[in-house]
């Protein structure tokens, strides 16, 4: 699918999501990158079978400098998802996250197709 926008910023957002999936999965877990067009939007999903995010932490993952309890031992600044959301919203899109502790996480970004 084709997306109009700032190529470098969209790459940075996608890279950050993949980097997070790699950092927070364990050996043997899987990571999938999916992209599809639905009407006027393109959806990019990064799904993993990692440890997931606790339900009570999900509302905060987009907050600047937020680091969940399970991530405190992993290198990072707490800025990545905040940056992803800002980039996607700048392109007229939306971000969502679904996760279950022990089962994995799916982060989706939706931006207008071009």
N, C-alpha and C. Protein backbone atom coordinates (compact mmCIF):
# COMPACT_ATOMS: atom_id res chain seq x y z
N UNK A 1 0.83 -1.20 0.00
CA UNK A 1 0.00 0.00 0.00
C UNK A 1 0.87 1.26 0.00
N UNK A 2 0.36 2.29 -0.61
CA UNK A 2 1.10 3.55 -0.71
C UNK A 2 0.60 4.55 0.32
N UNK A 3 1.55 5.25 0.95
CA UNK A 3 1.24 6.28 1.94
C UNK A 3 1.94 7.56 1.51
N UNK A 4 1.23 8.67 1.52
CA UNK A 4 1.86 9.96 1.29
C UNK A 4 2.28 10.54 2.63
N UNK A 5 3.48 11.06 2.69
CA UNK A 5 3.93 11.67 3.94
C UNK A 5 5.43 11.79 3.96
N UNK A 6 5.93 12.16 5.10
CA UNK A 6 7.36 12.32 5.29
C UNK A 6 7.98 10.93 5.45
N UNK A 7 8.69 10.51 4.43
CA UNK A 7 9.24 9.16 4.39
C UNK A 7 10.13 8.88 5.61
N UNK A 8 10.98 9.84 5.96
CA UNK A 8 11.90 9.62 7.08
C UNK A 8 11.17 9.47 8.41
N UNK A 9 10.16 10.31 8.63
CA UNK A 9 9.40 10.22 9.89
C UNK A 9 8.60 8.92 9.96
N UNK A 10 7.97 8.53 8.85
CA UNK A 10 7.20 7.29 8.84
C UNK A 10 8.12 6.08 9.04
N UNK A 11 9.32 6.14 8.45
CA UNK A 11 10.29 5.08 8.68
C UNK A 11 10.68 5.02 10.15
N UNK A 12 10.94 6.19 10.75
CA UNK A 12 11.32 6.26 12.16
C UNK A 12 10.24 5.65 13.05
N UNK A 13 8.98 5.96 12.77
CA UNK A 13 7.88 5.41 13.56
C UNK A 13 7.83 3.89 13.44
N UNK A 14 7.93 3.39 12.21
CA UNK A 14 7.88 1.94 12.00
C UNK A 14 9.10 1.26 12.63
N UNK A 15 10.26 1.86 12.45
CA UNK A 15 11.48 1.31 13.05
C UNK A 15 11.35 1.22 14.57
N UNK A 16 10.82 2.28 15.18
CA UNK A 16 10.68 2.29 16.63
C UNK A 16 9.78 1.16 17.10
N UNK A 17 8.68 0.93 16.40
CA UNK A 17 7.77 -0.15 16.80
C UNK A 17 8.44 -1.51 16.65
N UNK A 18 9.17 -1.71 15.56
CA UNK A 18 9.88 -2.98 15.39
C UNK A 18 10.98 -3.14 16.44
N UNK A 19 11.69 -2.06 16.73
CA UNK A 19 12.74 -2.11 17.74
C UNK A 19 12.17 -2.48 19.11
N UNK A 20 11.03 -1.91 19.45
CA UNK A 20 10.38 -2.27 20.72
C UNK A 20 10.02 -3.75 20.73
N UNK A 21 9.45 -4.24 19.65
CA UNK A 21 9.07 -5.65 19.60
C UNK A 21 10.29 -6.54 19.78
N UNK A 22 11.39 -6.17 19.16
CA UNK A 22 12.62 -6.96 19.29
C UNK A 22 13.15 -6.90 20.73
N UNK A 23 13.16 -5.71 21.32
CA UNK A 23 13.70 -5.55 22.68
C UNK A 23 12.89 -6.32 23.72
N UNK A 24 11.58 -6.39 23.52
CA UNK A 24 10.72 -6.93 24.58
C UNK A 24 10.22 -8.34 24.32
N UNK A 25 10.76 -9.01 23.30
CA UNK A 25 10.42 -10.42 23.11
C UNK A 25 11.60 -11.28 23.57
N UNK A 26 11.29 -12.55 23.77
CA UNK A 26 12.30 -13.50 24.23
C UNK A 26 12.70 -14.40 23.07
N UNK A 27 13.84 -15.08 23.18
CA UNK A 27 14.20 -16.05 22.14
C UNK A 27 13.06 -17.06 21.95
N UNK A 28 12.72 -17.31 20.71
CA UNK A 28 11.63 -18.24 20.40
C UNK A 28 10.30 -17.56 20.16
N UNK A 29 10.14 -16.31 20.61
CA UNK A 29 8.92 -15.56 20.32
C UNK A 29 8.93 -15.14 18.85
N UNK A 30 7.76 -14.77 18.34
CA UNK A 30 7.67 -14.32 16.96
C UNK A 30 7.24 -12.86 16.89
N UNK A 31 7.66 -12.22 15.81
CA UNK A 31 7.26 -10.85 15.51
C UNK A 31 6.76 -10.84 14.07
N UNK A 32 5.60 -10.23 13.85
CA UNK A 32 5.05 -10.12 12.51
C UNK A 32 4.82 -8.66 12.18
N UNK A 33 5.13 -8.29 10.95
CA UNK A 33 4.82 -6.96 10.42
C UNK A 33 3.79 -7.17 9.32
N UNK A 34 2.64 -6.52 9.47
CA UNK A 34 1.57 -6.65 8.48
C UNK A 34 1.17 -5.25 8.02
N UNK A 35 0.88 -5.13 6.74
CA UNK A 35 0.39 -3.86 6.20
C UNK A 35 -0.75 -4.17 5.24
N UNK A 36 -1.83 -3.41 5.36
CA UNK A 36 -2.95 -3.61 4.46
C UNK A 36 -3.74 -2.32 4.31
N UNK A 37 -4.44 -2.23 3.19
CA UNK A 37 -5.25 -1.05 2.90
C UNK A 37 -6.70 -1.40 3.16
N UNK A 38 -7.40 -0.50 3.82
CA UNK A 38 -8.82 -0.67 4.10
C UNK A 38 -9.50 0.67 3.87
N UNK A 39 -10.18 0.79 2.75
CA UNK A 39 -10.81 2.06 2.41
C UNK A 39 -9.74 3.13 2.22
N UNK A 40 -9.92 4.28 2.85
CA UNK A 40 -8.97 5.37 2.66
C UNK A 40 -7.76 5.31 3.59
N UNK A 41 -7.61 4.23 4.35
CA UNK A 41 -6.53 4.13 5.33
C UNK A 41 -5.61 2.94 5.04
N UNK A 42 -4.36 3.10 5.40
CA UNK A 42 -3.39 2.01 5.40
C UNK A 42 -3.10 1.69 6.86
N UNK A 43 -3.16 0.41 7.20
CA UNK A 43 -2.85 -0.03 8.56
C UNK A 43 -1.54 -0.80 8.54
N UNK A 44 -0.68 -0.45 9.46
CA UNK A 44 0.57 -1.19 9.67
C UNK A 44 0.49 -1.74 11.09
N UNK A 45 0.63 -3.06 11.21
CA UNK A 45 0.58 -3.71 12.52
C UNK A 45 1.91 -4.41 12.80
N UNK A 46 2.37 -4.27 14.00
CA UNK A 46 3.51 -5.04 14.49
C UNK A 46 2.96 -5.87 15.65
N UNK A 47 3.02 -7.19 15.46
CA UNK A 47 2.47 -8.11 16.46
C UNK A 47 3.59 -9.01 16.97
N UNK A 48 3.58 -9.28 18.26
CA UNK A 48 4.58 -10.19 18.81
C UNK A 48 3.92 -11.14 19.81
N UNK A 49 4.63 -12.21 20.08
CA UNK A 49 4.16 -13.19 21.06
C UNK A 49 4.97 -13.08 22.35
N UNK A 50 5.46 -11.90 22.62
CA UNK A 50 6.27 -11.64 23.81
C UNK A 50 5.45 -11.65 25.09
N UNK A 51 6.02 -11.10 26.15
CA UNK A 51 5.39 -11.16 27.47
C UNK A 51 4.15 -10.29 27.61
N UNK A 52 3.92 -9.39 26.67
CA UNK A 52 2.74 -8.53 26.75
C UNK A 52 2.92 -7.41 27.76
N UNK A 53 1.87 -6.61 27.88
CA UNK A 53 1.87 -5.45 28.76
C UNK A 53 0.71 -5.61 29.74
N UNK A 54 0.97 -5.36 30.99
CA UNK A 54 -0.09 -5.47 32.00
C UNK A 54 -1.24 -4.52 31.66
N UNK A 55 -2.46 -4.99 31.85
CA UNK A 55 -3.65 -4.21 31.50
C UNK A 55 -3.67 -2.84 32.17
N UNK A 56 -3.24 -2.76 33.41
CA UNK A 56 -3.27 -1.48 34.11
C UNK A 56 -2.22 -0.49 33.60
N UNK A 57 -1.26 -0.96 32.80
CA UNK A 57 -0.24 -0.08 32.24
C UNK A 57 -0.59 0.41 30.84
N UNK A 58 -1.49 -0.27 30.15
CA UNK A 58 -1.81 0.08 28.76
C UNK A 58 -2.21 1.54 28.56
N UNK A 59 -3.02 2.15 29.43
CA UNK A 59 -3.40 3.55 29.18
C UNK A 59 -2.22 4.52 29.18
N UNK A 60 -1.09 4.12 29.71
CA UNK A 60 0.03 5.04 29.90
C UNK A 60 1.17 4.85 28.90
N UNK A 61 1.12 3.82 28.06
CA UNK A 61 2.27 3.51 27.21
C UNK A 61 2.61 4.62 26.23
N UNK A 62 1.64 5.46 25.86
CA UNK A 62 1.90 6.56 24.92
C UNK A 62 2.40 7.81 25.64
N UNK A 63 2.41 7.82 26.96
CA UNK A 63 2.81 9.00 27.73
C UNK A 63 4.33 9.18 27.67
N UNK A 64 4.74 10.44 27.55
CA UNK A 64 6.16 10.77 27.50
C UNK A 64 6.86 10.29 28.77
N UNK A 65 7.98 9.61 28.58
CA UNK A 65 8.86 9.09 29.63
C UNK A 65 8.28 7.93 30.42
N UNK A 66 7.11 7.41 30.04
CA UNK A 66 6.54 6.29 30.78
C UNK A 66 7.31 5.01 30.46
N UNK A 67 7.64 4.28 31.50
CA UNK A 67 8.28 2.97 31.37
C UNK A 67 7.53 2.01 32.27
N UNK A 68 7.00 0.95 31.69
CA UNK A 68 6.27 -0.03 32.47
C UNK A 68 7.19 -0.79 33.42
N UNK A 69 6.59 -1.45 34.39
CA UNK A 69 7.37 -2.18 35.40
C UNK A 69 8.29 -3.23 34.76
N UNK A 70 7.78 -3.96 33.78
CA UNK A 70 8.56 -5.03 33.17
C UNK A 70 9.66 -4.51 32.26
N UNK A 71 9.64 -3.22 31.91
CA UNK A 71 10.63 -2.68 30.98
C UNK A 71 11.78 -1.97 31.68
N UNK A 72 11.74 -1.86 32.95
CA UNK A 72 12.73 -1.06 33.66
C UNK A 72 14.16 -1.59 33.49
N UNK A 73 14.33 -2.86 33.24
CA UNK A 73 15.67 -3.41 33.06
C UNK A 73 16.13 -3.41 31.61
N UNK A 74 15.30 -2.89 30.71
CA UNK A 74 15.62 -2.87 29.28
C UNK A 74 15.99 -1.45 28.89
N UNK A 75 17.04 -1.33 28.08
CA UNK A 75 17.49 0.00 27.65
C UNK A 75 16.38 0.74 26.91
N UNK A 76 16.20 2.00 27.24
CA UNK A 76 15.20 2.84 26.57
C UNK A 76 14.96 4.09 27.37
N UNK A 77 14.29 5.05 26.73
CA UNK A 77 14.08 6.36 27.37
C UNK A 77 12.64 6.64 27.73
N UNK A 78 11.70 5.85 27.21
CA UNK A 78 10.30 6.15 27.44
C UNK A 78 9.76 7.20 26.48
N UNK A 79 10.51 7.49 25.43
CA UNK A 79 10.08 8.49 24.44
C UNK A 79 9.57 7.87 23.14
N UNK A 80 9.91 6.62 22.90
CA UNK A 80 9.63 6.00 21.61
C UNK A 80 8.18 6.01 21.19
N UNK A 81 7.29 5.50 22.03
CA UNK A 81 5.88 5.44 21.64
C UNK A 81 5.24 6.82 21.59
N UNK A 82 5.73 7.74 22.42
CA UNK A 82 5.25 9.12 22.34
C UNK A 82 5.60 9.71 20.98
N UNK A 83 6.82 9.45 20.52
CA UNK A 83 7.26 9.92 19.22
C UNK A 83 6.45 9.27 18.10
N UNK A 84 6.23 7.97 18.19
CA UNK A 84 5.43 7.26 17.19
C UNK A 84 4.05 7.91 17.07
N UNK A 85 3.39 8.11 18.18
CA UNK A 85 2.05 8.70 18.15
C UNK A 85 2.08 10.10 17.53
N UNK A 86 3.05 10.91 17.89
CA UNK A 86 3.15 12.27 17.33
C UNK A 86 3.34 12.23 15.82
N UNK A 87 4.19 11.34 15.34
CA UNK A 87 4.42 11.22 13.89
C UNK A 87 3.15 10.79 13.18
N UNK A 88 2.49 9.78 13.71
CA UNK A 88 1.29 9.26 13.05
C UNK A 88 0.18 10.31 13.07
N UNK A 89 -0.01 10.99 14.18
CA UNK A 89 -1.04 12.03 14.24
C UNK A 89 -0.71 13.19 13.30
N UNK A 90 0.56 13.50 13.15
CA UNK A 90 0.96 14.56 12.20
C UNK A 90 0.56 14.19 10.78
N UNK A 91 0.49 12.90 10.50
CA UNK A 91 0.10 12.42 9.17
C UNK A 91 -1.41 12.15 9.08
N UNK A 92 -2.17 12.60 10.06
CA UNK A 92 -3.62 12.42 10.03
C UNK A 92 -4.07 11.02 10.42
N UNK A 93 -3.24 10.31 11.16
CA UNK A 93 -3.54 8.93 11.50
C UNK A 93 -3.83 8.72 12.98
N UNK A 94 -3.95 7.43 13.33
CA UNK A 94 -4.24 7.04 14.71
C UNK A 94 -3.35 5.85 15.10
N UNK A 95 -3.15 5.71 16.39
CA UNK A 95 -2.39 4.58 16.93
C UNK A 95 -3.26 3.82 17.92
N UNK A 96 -3.10 2.50 17.93
CA UNK A 96 -3.79 1.67 18.92
C UNK A 96 -2.83 0.59 19.40
N UNK A 97 -3.12 0.08 20.57
CA UNK A 97 -2.33 -1.03 21.11
C UNK A 97 -3.27 -1.99 21.82
N UNK A 98 -3.04 -3.28 21.56
CA UNK A 98 -3.76 -4.35 22.27
C UNK A 98 -2.69 -5.27 22.84
N UNK A 99 -2.90 -5.68 24.07
CA UNK A 99 -1.91 -6.55 24.69
C UNK A 99 -2.55 -7.33 25.81
N UNK A 100 -2.03 -8.52 26.01
CA UNK A 100 -2.42 -9.35 27.16
C UNK A 100 -1.15 -9.89 27.77
N UNK A 101 -1.02 -9.70 29.05
CA UNK A 101 0.16 -10.19 29.76
C UNK A 101 0.33 -11.68 29.49
N UNK A 102 1.52 -12.06 29.10
CA UNK A 102 1.83 -13.46 28.82
C UNK A 102 1.45 -13.92 27.43
N UNK A 103 0.79 -13.07 26.63
CA UNK A 103 0.33 -13.51 25.31
C UNK A 103 0.84 -12.66 24.15
N UNK A 104 1.31 -11.47 24.42
CA UNK A 104 1.85 -10.67 23.33
C UNK A 104 1.14 -9.35 23.15
N UNK A 105 1.61 -8.61 22.16
CA UNK A 105 1.16 -7.25 21.91
C UNK A 105 0.98 -7.02 20.42
N UNK A 106 -0.03 -6.23 20.07
CA UNK A 106 -0.23 -5.77 18.69
C UNK A 106 -0.34 -4.26 18.73
N UNK A 107 0.57 -3.59 18.05
CA UNK A 107 0.50 -2.14 17.90
C UNK A 107 0.10 -1.87 16.45
N UNK A 108 -0.91 -1.03 16.27
CA UNK A 108 -1.37 -0.69 14.92
C UNK A 108 -1.30 0.81 14.73
N UNK A 109 -0.84 1.21 13.56
CA UNK A 109 -0.90 2.61 13.15
C UNK A 109 -1.72 2.66 11.87
N UNK A 110 -2.60 3.66 11.80
CA UNK A 110 -3.44 3.85 10.61
C UNK A 110 -3.20 5.25 10.09
N UNK A 111 -2.86 5.31 8.80
CA UNK A 111 -2.63 6.61 8.16
C UNK A 111 -3.37 6.63 6.83
N UNK A 112 -3.75 7.83 6.38
CA UNK A 112 -4.44 7.91 5.09
C UNK A 112 -3.58 7.36 3.96
N UNK A 113 -4.21 6.61 3.06
CA UNK A 113 -3.48 6.08 1.91
C UNK A 113 -3.26 7.20 0.91
N UNK A 114 -2.32 6.99 0.04
CA UNK A 114 -2.02 8.04 -0.92
C UNK A 114 -1.67 7.47 -2.22
